[in-house]
Amino acid sequence: MKEVEIRTEYIALGQFLKLADCISTGGQAKFFLQEAVVHINGEADNRRGRKLYAGDRVEVEGCGVFVVVAGK
């Protein structure tokens, strides 16, 4: 499981995918989420605007398992 650090209260799923190196640009998020299965805390969700907070566990098909951690 990889940690992805955020320095804000939350991060949108689309931005998270770029930060986690699952996609190379934010513009790819919409298309990526139409094709890939994403589970957030065990529930399927493909809304790129979904807010992720520190402690959330994100499983991305073909990319890996991540946990959101708060930065300093």
Protein backbone atom coordinates (compact mmCIF):
# COMPACT_ATOMS: atom_id res chain seq x y z
CA MET A 1 0.00 0.00 0.00
CA LYS A 2 1.38 3.38 -1.04
CA GLU A 3 0.80 6.61 0.84
CA VAL A 4 -0.29 9.73 -1.03
CA GLU A 5 0.28 12.91 0.95
CA ILE A 6 -2.09 15.86 0.68
CA ARG A 7 -1.52 19.32 2.14
CA THR A 8 -5.15 20.43 2.05
CA GLU A 9 -8.24 19.22 3.93
CA TYR A 10 -9.26 17.01 1.00
CA ILE A 11 -8.38 16.18 -2.60
CA ALA A 12 -10.70 15.40 -5.52
CA LEU A 13 -10.44 11.88 -6.94
CA GLY A 14 -9.36 13.24 -10.34
CA GLN A 15 -6.46 15.15 -8.77
CA PHE A 16 -5.62 12.16 -6.59
CA LEU A 17 -5.21 9.90 -9.63
CA LYS A 18 -2.63 12.29 -11.06
CA LEU A 19 -0.80 12.58 -7.73
CA ALA A 20 -0.74 8.78 -7.41
CA ASP A 21 0.74 8.48 -10.95
CA CYS A 22 -2.25 6.50 -12.25
CA ILE A 23 -2.72 9.09 -15.00
CA SER A 24 -0.31 11.65 -16.43
CA THR A 25 -2.67 14.63 -16.78
CA GLY A 26 -5.80 15.77 -14.99
CA GLY A 27 -7.69 15.77 -18.28
CA GLN A 28 -7.37 11.99 -18.48
CA ALA A 29 -9.33 11.48 -15.25
CA LYS A 30 -12.78 11.48 -16.87
CA PHE A 31 -11.85 8.81 -19.42
CA PHE A 32 -9.82 6.79 -16.92
CA LEU A 33 -12.75 6.64 -14.50
CA GLN A 34 -15.09 5.44 -17.27
CA GLU A 35 -12.83 2.43 -17.86
CA ALA A 36 -11.19 1.58 -14.52
CA VAL A 37 -12.78 0.31 -11.32
CA VAL A 38 -12.03 2.47 -8.27
CA HIS A 39 -12.97 1.53 -4.70
CA ILE A 40 -12.88 4.11 -1.94
CA ASN A 41 -13.02 2.60 1.53
CA GLY A 42 -14.43 -0.57 -0.03
CA GLU A 43 -17.17 1.11 -2.08
CA ALA A 44 -17.06 1.52 -5.87
CA ASP A 45 -17.00 5.19 -6.92
CA ASN A 46 -16.09 6.76 -10.25
CA ARG A 47 -16.93 10.43 -9.60
CA ARG A 48 -13.82 12.46 -10.34
CA GLY A 49 -15.01 15.19 -7.95
CA ARG A 50 -15.35 12.75 -5.03
CA LYS A 51 -13.58 14.28 -2.04
CA LEU A 52 -10.89 12.16 -0.41
CA TYR A 53 -9.73 12.88 3.11
CA ALA A 54 -6.76 11.73 5.19
CA GLY A 55 -7.28 8.10 6.16
CA ASP A 56 -9.26 7.16 3.03
CA ARG A 57 -8.17 3.93 1.34
CA VAL A 58 -8.28 3.96 -2.45
CA GLU A 59 -7.98 0.86 -4.65
CA VAL A 60 -7.40 1.61 -8.33
CA GLU A 61 -7.69 -1.24 -10.82
CA GLY A 62 -4.37 -1.72 -12.60
CA CYS A 63 -2.62 0.93 -10.51
CA GLY A 64 -2.55 -0.21 -6.89
CA VAL A 65 -3.82 0.42 -3.38
CA PHE A 66 -3.26 3.79 -1.74
CA VAL A 67 -3.99 5.55 1.52
CA VAL A 68 -4.43 9.31 1.79
CA VAL A 69 -2.26 10.90 4.49
CA ALA A 70 -2.19 14.48 5.75
CA GLY A 71 0.94 16.45 5.02
CA LYS A 72 2.68 18.71 7.48
